[in-house]
Amino acid sequence: MQKITIQGHWLIVLAAMLWGTTGTAQAFAPDGAEPTTVGALRLLIGGATLLFVARSQHAFQHSQGKWHPLATVVAISAVAAYQICFFAGVDRAGVAIGTIVGIGSAPIMGGVLGYVIRGEKLDRIWMIATALAIIGCISLTLSGASTNESVDVLGIMLSLGAGLSYAIYTVATKTLLESHAPVAVMAVVFCAGAVLLLPLLFMNDVTWVTKPNGFIVALHLGVIATGLSYILFGRGLRTVTTGTATTLSLSEPLTAGLLGVVILGESLTLIALIGIVLLFAGLGLLAFKPTQAIDNPKAMLSVDEAIG
């Protein structure tokens, strides 16, 4: 039977779509589910899932060198900071706006960091695609002010912090993937990140997890929106640049925005709809460009390689 192959950038798109469900899932959590606790539980369950997969596939035995200490610490710190900033930002600014501002700000940050730290080229298509995405995010943010609803400045700042954390995490992870299997990298980073946030679980009430909807939300966030998604992301990140990866991740705010409107009943004005169109345009321009920017010429992965 012939193997079905998937380009690395599509793996990142699929991962980002799974990430896009996190804000909506949080909205279904029981009362008392604090954003910081939700983020900590997501890391704990996700890290355990990734560690199980890594050990079952003997991923740690495939390492080709020592763990880069600085990149490892930075990746762990960034992934922990992202959880706090993202869930707190979404809680204050709303699912659609919080997610779109957070992840929508990441491409420019990731592109600049990739250029400065790793020397990755920022081509014209990436610049145009990223510009469209940023304008789209600004339009979505302004849409909140165009109604009588007030824009939560702290929520926006927290979302921007999530975007920066994500960009830093992507750059650091890219370095680790040069010597270690993707699932092994994700397992180490997320398990260590969970340890950093573990005190939050003792400082806050987590009894909401014992409720049926709370358990389902925590399981979804940890296993699907973290475990599975970051396996796909790690595989895809091996073959694309940091800037490309962060721009392709705009599939997340698009998914979150649509879920926020369709499922949660959040309203989007004409300006917001224009912003979504611009985001689609930027994402499509990058995803379908004739020559995908890659770091590894083996840009095609089989389905088995993608998830394993």
Protein backbone atom coordinates (compact mmCIF):
# COMPACT_ATOMS: atom_id res chain seq x y z
CA MET A 1 0.00 0.00 0.00
CA GLN A 2 1.41 3.38 -1.04
CA LYS A 3 2.19 5.80 1.76
CA ILE A 4 0.39 9.14 1.84
CA THR A 5 2.85 11.99 2.25
CA ILE A 6 2.27 15.37 3.86
CA GLN A 7 4.44 18.45 3.50
CA GLY A 8 5.84 19.79 6.76
CA HIS A 9 3.98 23.10 6.55
CA TRP A 10 0.64 21.30 6.41
CA LEU A 11 1.51 19.46 9.62
CA ILE A 12 1.92 22.85 11.28
CA VAL A 13 -1.44 23.98 9.89
CA LEU A 14 -3.11 20.87 11.32
CA ALA A 15 -1.40 21.41 14.68
CA ALA A 16 -2.50 25.04 14.75
CA MET A 17 -6.10 24.09 14.02
CA LEU A 18 -6.05 21.84 17.08
CA TRP A 19 -4.59 24.70 19.13
CA GLY A 20 -7.47 26.84 17.92
CA THR A 21 -9.88 24.74 19.97
CA THR A 22 -8.25 25.59 23.31
CA GLY A 23 -10.02 28.90 23.92
CA THR A 24 -13.42 27.43 23.12
CA ALA A 25 -12.71 24.40 25.29
CA GLN A 26 -11.80 26.69 28.20
CA ALA A 27 -15.18 28.39 27.84
CA PHE A 28 -16.87 25.05 28.55
CA ALA A 29 -14.91 24.47 31.76
CA PRO A 30 -16.94 24.62 34.99
CA ASP A 31 -17.08 27.73 37.15
CA GLY A 32 -13.96 28.11 39.23
CA ALA A 33 -11.56 27.04 36.49
CA GLU A 34 -8.91 29.75 36.72
CA PRO A 35 -6.97 30.46 33.49
CA THR A 36 -3.61 29.78 35.15
CA THR A 37 -4.86 26.44 36.49
CA VAL A 38 -6.21 25.47 33.08
CA GLY A 39 -2.83 26.24 31.53
CA ALA A 40 -0.95 24.28 34.19
CA LEU A 41 -3.19 21.24 33.77
CA ARG A 42 -2.83 21.42 30.01
CA LEU A 43 0.95 21.23 30.35
CA LEU A 44 0.79 18.45 32.93
CA ILE A 45 -1.52 16.18 30.92
CA GLY A 46 0.09 17.12 27.61
CA GLY A 47 3.58 16.51 28.95
CA ALA A 48 2.57 13.11 30.32
CA THR A 49 1.02 12.20 26.95
CA LEU A 50 4.15 13.24 25.05
CA LEU A 51 6.42 11.41 27.49
CA PHE A 52 4.37 8.22 27.07
CA VAL A 53 4.60 8.44 23.27
CA ALA A 54 8.32 9.26 23.37
CA ARG A 55 9.14 6.32 25.63
CA SER A 56 6.96 3.90 23.66
CA GLN A 57 8.81 4.88 20.47
CA HIS A 58 12.25 4.88 22.16
CA ALA A 59 12.66 8.47 20.94
CA PHE A 60 15.29 9.37 23.53
CA GLN A 61 17.61 6.70 22.12
CA HIS A 62 17.68 8.48 18.76
CA SER A 63 19.36 11.62 20.07
CA GLN A 64 22.46 12.64 18.12
CA GLY A 65 24.12 14.82 20.73
CA LYS A 66 23.80 16.52 24.10
CA TRP A 67 20.88 18.73 24.98
CA HIS A 68 21.69 22.38 24.28
CA PRO A 69 21.38 23.85 27.81
CA LEU A 70 20.39 27.42 26.89
CA ALA A 71 17.90 26.40 24.19
CA THR A 72 16.36 23.83 26.55
CA VAL A 73 15.89 26.31 29.41
CA VAL A 74 14.53 28.99 27.10
CA ALA A 75 12.07 26.58 25.47
CA ILE A 76 10.81 25.34 28.84
CA SER A 77 10.41 28.86 30.24
CA ALA A 78 8.67 30.10 27.10
CA VAL A 79 6.15 27.27 26.95
CA ALA A 80 5.27 27.83 30.62
CA ALA A 81 4.89 31.59 30.11
CA TYR A 82 2.73 31.01 27.06
CA GLN A 83 0.17 28.97 29.01
CA ILE A 84 -0.29 31.70 31.63
CA CYS A 85 -0.41 34.59 29.16
CA PHE A 86 -2.64 32.85 26.63
CA PHE A 87 -5.37 31.56 28.92
CA ALA A 88 -5.41 34.75 31.00
CA GLY A 89 -5.54 36.86 27.82
CA VAL A 90 -8.39 34.83 26.35
CA ASP A 91 -10.26 35.01 29.65
CA ARG A 92 -10.12 38.82 29.67
CA ALA A 93 -10.26 39.71 25.97
CA GLY A 94 -12.53 36.93 24.69
CA VAL A 95 -11.78 33.80 22.69
CA ALA A 96 -11.78 35.35 19.23
CA ILE A 97 -9.86 38.55 20.00
CA GLY A 98 -7.52 37.05 22.62
CA THR A 99 -6.43 34.17 20.42
CA ILE A 100 -6.12 36.22 17.25
CA VAL A 101 -4.00 38.92 18.93
CA GLY A 102 -1.83 36.37 20.72
CA ILE A 103 -1.00 34.12 17.81
CA GLY A 104 -1.43 36.84 15.20
CA SER A 105 1.44 38.79 16.75
CA ALA A 106 3.76 35.77 16.74
CA PRO A 107 4.76 35.70 13.03
CA ILE A 108 6.56 39.02 13.00
CA MET A 109 8.22 38.22 16.32
CA GLY A 110 9.17 34.74 15.16
CA GLY A 111 10.46 36.00 11.82
CA VAL A 112 12.65 38.64 13.43
CA LEU A 113 13.99 36.23 16.07
CA GLY A 114 14.66 33.59 13.43
CA TYR A 115 16.58 36.13 11.35
CA VAL A 116 18.58 37.56 14.25
CA ILE A 117 19.32 34.33 16.12
CA ARG A 118 19.37 31.66 13.40
CA GLY A 119 20.09 33.75 10.30
CA GLU A 120 16.94 32.57 8.52
CA LYS A 121 16.08 34.51 5.38
CA LEU A 122 12.90 36.61 5.38
CA ASP A 123 11.71 36.53 1.77
CA ARG A 124 9.24 38.88 0.10
CA ILE A 125 6.33 36.44 0.19
CA TRP A 126 6.75 35.96 3.93
CA MET A 127 6.83 39.72 4.46
CA ILE A 128 3.64 40.28 2.43
CA ALA A 129 1.85 37.36 4.09
CA THR A 130 2.87 38.53 7.56
CA ALA A 131 1.85 42.12 6.81
CA LEU A 132 -1.60 40.95 5.73
CA ALA A 133 -1.88 38.88 8.89
CA ILE A 134 -0.89 41.76 11.16
CA ILE A 135 -3.36 44.12 9.48
CA GLY A 136 -5.99 41.45 9.92
CA CYS A 137 -5.21 41.17 13.63
CA ILE A 138 -5.36 44.95 14.04
CA SER A 139 -8.75 44.99 12.29
CA LEU A 140 -10.04 42.32 14.64
CA THR A 141 -8.77 44.22 17.67
CA LEU A 142 -10.31 47.49 16.48
CA SER A 143 -13.60 45.72 15.89
CA GLY A 144 -14.01 45.44 19.64
CA ALA A 145 -13.69 49.21 19.94
CA SER A 146 -16.05 49.85 17.03
CA THR A 147 -18.91 48.50 19.10
CA ASN A 148 -19.93 49.77 22.50
CA GLU A 149 -17.84 47.07 24.09
CA SER A 150 -14.67 48.16 25.85
CA VAL A 151 -11.34 46.68 24.86
CA ASP A 152 -9.54 45.04 27.78
CA VAL A 153 -6.03 46.51 27.55
CA LEU A 154 -4.56 44.03 30.02
CA GLY A 155 -6.13 41.17 28.07
CA ILE A 156 -4.53 42.45 24.87
CA MET A 157 -1.14 42.83 26.57
CA LEU A 158 -1.33 39.30 27.97
CA SER A 159 -2.21 38.00 24.50
CA LEU A 160 0.78 39.83 23.03
CA GLY A 161 2.92 38.24 25.74
CA ALA A 162 1.62 34.85 24.61
CA GLY A 163 2.64 35.67 21.04
CA LEU A 164 6.17 36.61 22.11
CA SER A 165 6.46 33.49 24.27
CA TYR A 166 5.36 31.32 21.36
CA ALA A 167 7.90 32.92 19.02
CA ILE A 168 10.72 32.41 21.54
CA TYR A 169 9.63 28.80 22.11
CA THR A 170 9.64 28.11 18.36
CA VAL A 171 13.17 29.47 17.87
CA ALA A 172 14.54 27.52 20.84
CA THR A 173 12.76 24.31 19.80
CA LYS A 174 14.12 24.64 16.27
CA THR A 175 17.63 24.42 17.75
CA LEU A 176 16.80 21.33 19.82
CA LEU A 177 15.26 19.54 16.82
CA GLU A 178 18.64 19.58 15.08
CA SER A 179 19.91 16.86 17.43
CA HIS A 180 16.86 15.18 18.93
CA ALA A 181 13.65 13.45 17.83
CA PRO A 182 10.64 15.81 17.73
CA VAL A 183 8.52 13.87 20.21
CA ALA A 184 11.49 13.64 22.61
CA VAL A 185 11.99 17.41 22.47
CA MET A 186 8.32 18.08 23.07
CA ALA A 187 8.19 15.59 25.95
CA VAL A 188 11.15 17.18 27.75
CA VAL A 189 9.99 20.76 27.21
CA PHE A 190 6.39 20.19 28.23
CA CYS A 191 7.12 17.95 31.22
CA ALA A 192 9.63 20.46 32.58
CA GLY A 193 7.21 23.31 31.84
CA ALA A 194 4.54 21.45 33.80
CA VAL A 195 6.91 21.21 36.78
CA LEU A 196 7.38 25.00 36.67
CA LEU A 197 3.62 25.57 36.80
CA LEU A 198 2.89 22.77 39.27
CA PRO A 199 2.69 25.17 42.27
CA LEU A 200 -0.32 26.84 40.62
CA LEU A 201 -2.28 23.61 41.03
CA PHE A 202 -1.69 23.73 44.80
CA MET A 203 -2.47 27.44 45.08
CA ASN A 204 -5.84 27.26 43.30
CA ASP A 205 -8.98 25.17 43.47
CA VAL A 206 -8.84 22.27 40.99
CA THR A 207 -11.97 20.43 42.11
CA TRP A 208 -13.66 21.51 38.87
CA VAL A 209 -11.67 18.75 37.14
CA THR A 210 -13.73 16.15 38.99
CA LYS A 211 -16.87 17.33 37.21
CA PRO A 212 -17.72 15.56 33.92
CA ASN A 213 -17.36 18.63 31.72
CA GLY A 214 -14.22 19.69 33.60
CA PHE A 215 -12.61 16.29 33.08
CA ILE A 216 -13.45 16.28 29.38
CA VAL A 217 -12.08 19.81 28.92
CA ALA A 218 -8.81 18.95 30.71
CA LEU A 219 -8.45 15.73 28.73
CA HIS A 220 -9.04 17.51 25.42
CA LEU A 221 -6.59 20.29 26.23
CA GLY A 222 -3.88 17.87 27.33
CA VAL A 223 -4.15 14.93 24.94
CA ILE A 224 -5.53 16.45 21.72
CA ALA A 225 -4.70 20.18 21.83
CA THR A 226 -1.25 19.56 23.32
CA GLY A 227 -0.03 15.98 22.92
CA LEU A 228 -1.17 15.26 19.37
CA SER A 229 -0.82 18.83 18.12
CA TYR A 230 2.76 19.27 19.29
CA ILE A 231 3.82 15.95 17.80
CA LEU A 232 2.57 17.29 14.46
CA PHE A 233 4.17 20.68 15.10
CA GLY A 234 7.55 19.18 15.97
CA ARG A 235 7.58 17.10 12.82
CA GLY A 236 6.60 20.05 10.66
CA LEU A 237 9.08 22.42 12.28
CA ARG A 238 11.97 20.24 11.12
CA THR A 239 11.34 21.27 7.50
CA VAL A 240 10.27 24.93 7.65
CA THR A 241 11.82 28.13 8.95
CA THR A 242 10.80 29.81 12.19
CA GLY A 243 9.11 32.70 10.40
CA THR A 244 7.16 30.37 8.12
CA ALA A 245 6.07 28.19 11.05
CA THR A 246 4.78 31.12 13.11
CA THR A 247 2.89 32.57 10.15
CA LEU A 248 1.32 29.21 9.29
CA SER A 249 0.22 29.03 12.92
CA LEU A 250 -2.35 31.69 12.07
CA SER A 251 -4.58 28.72 11.37
CA GLU A 252 -5.11 28.79 15.14
CA PRO A 253 -6.73 32.23 15.46
CA LEU A 254 -8.81 31.59 12.36
CA THR A 255 -10.08 28.35 13.89
CA ALA A 256 -10.61 30.00 17.27
CA GLY A 257 -12.38 32.99 15.74
CA LEU A 258 -14.79 30.81 13.81
CA LEU A 259 -15.44 28.57 16.82
CA GLY A 260 -15.98 31.63 19.01
CA VAL A 261 -18.64 32.92 16.63
CA VAL A 262 -20.35 29.63 15.69
CA ILE A 263 -20.26 27.84 19.05
CA LEU A 264 -19.92 30.58 21.69
CA GLY A 265 -22.03 33.19 19.91
CA GLU A 266 -19.35 35.90 19.98
CA SER A 267 -20.11 38.72 17.56
CA LEU A 268 -17.85 39.87 14.75
CA THR A 269 -18.40 43.22 13.05
CA LEU A 270 -17.68 44.08 9.42
CA ILE A 271 -14.19 45.24 10.41
CA ALA A 272 -13.60 41.91 12.13
CA LEU A 273 -14.76 40.00 9.05
CA ILE A 274 -12.35 42.03 6.91
CA GLY A 275 -9.62 41.09 9.37
CA ILE A 276 -10.44 37.40 8.97
CA VAL A 277 -10.30 37.71 5.18
CA LEU A 278 -6.86 39.34 5.42
CA LEU A 279 -5.67 36.57 7.72
CA PHE A 280 -6.89 33.96 5.24
CA ALA A 281 -5.11 35.81 2.44
CA GLY A 282 -1.81 35.93 4.31
CA LEU A 283 -2.00 32.28 5.34
CA GLY A 284 -2.95 31.13 1.85
CA LEU A 285 -0.20 33.18 0.22
CA LEU A 286 2.42 31.50 2.38
CA ALA A 287 0.99 27.97 2.42
CA PHE A 288 0.52 27.74 -1.34
CA LYS A 289 3.60 29.56 -2.59
CA PRO A 290 5.45 27.60 -5.31
CA THR A 291 8.70 27.07 -3.39
CA GLN A 292 8.18 26.50 0.30
CA ALA A 293 11.05 27.84 2.42
CA ILE A 294 12.59 24.88 4.18
CA ASP A 295 15.63 24.05 6.25
CA ASN A 296 15.68 20.39 5.22
CA PRO A 297 15.28 19.27 1.61
CA LYS A 298 13.29 16.24 2.79
CA ALA A 299 10.13 18.28 3.20
CA MET A 300 7.75 15.43 2.57
CA LEU A 301 6.82 13.17 5.48
CA SER A 302 4.68 10.07 5.40
CA VAL A 303 1.62 9.95 7.64
CA ASP A 304 3.38 7.38 9.85
CA GLU A 305 6.41 9.67 10.20
CA ALA A 306 4.21 12.69 10.88
CA ILE A 307 2.44 11.24 13.89
CA GLY A 308 5.26 8.97 15.07
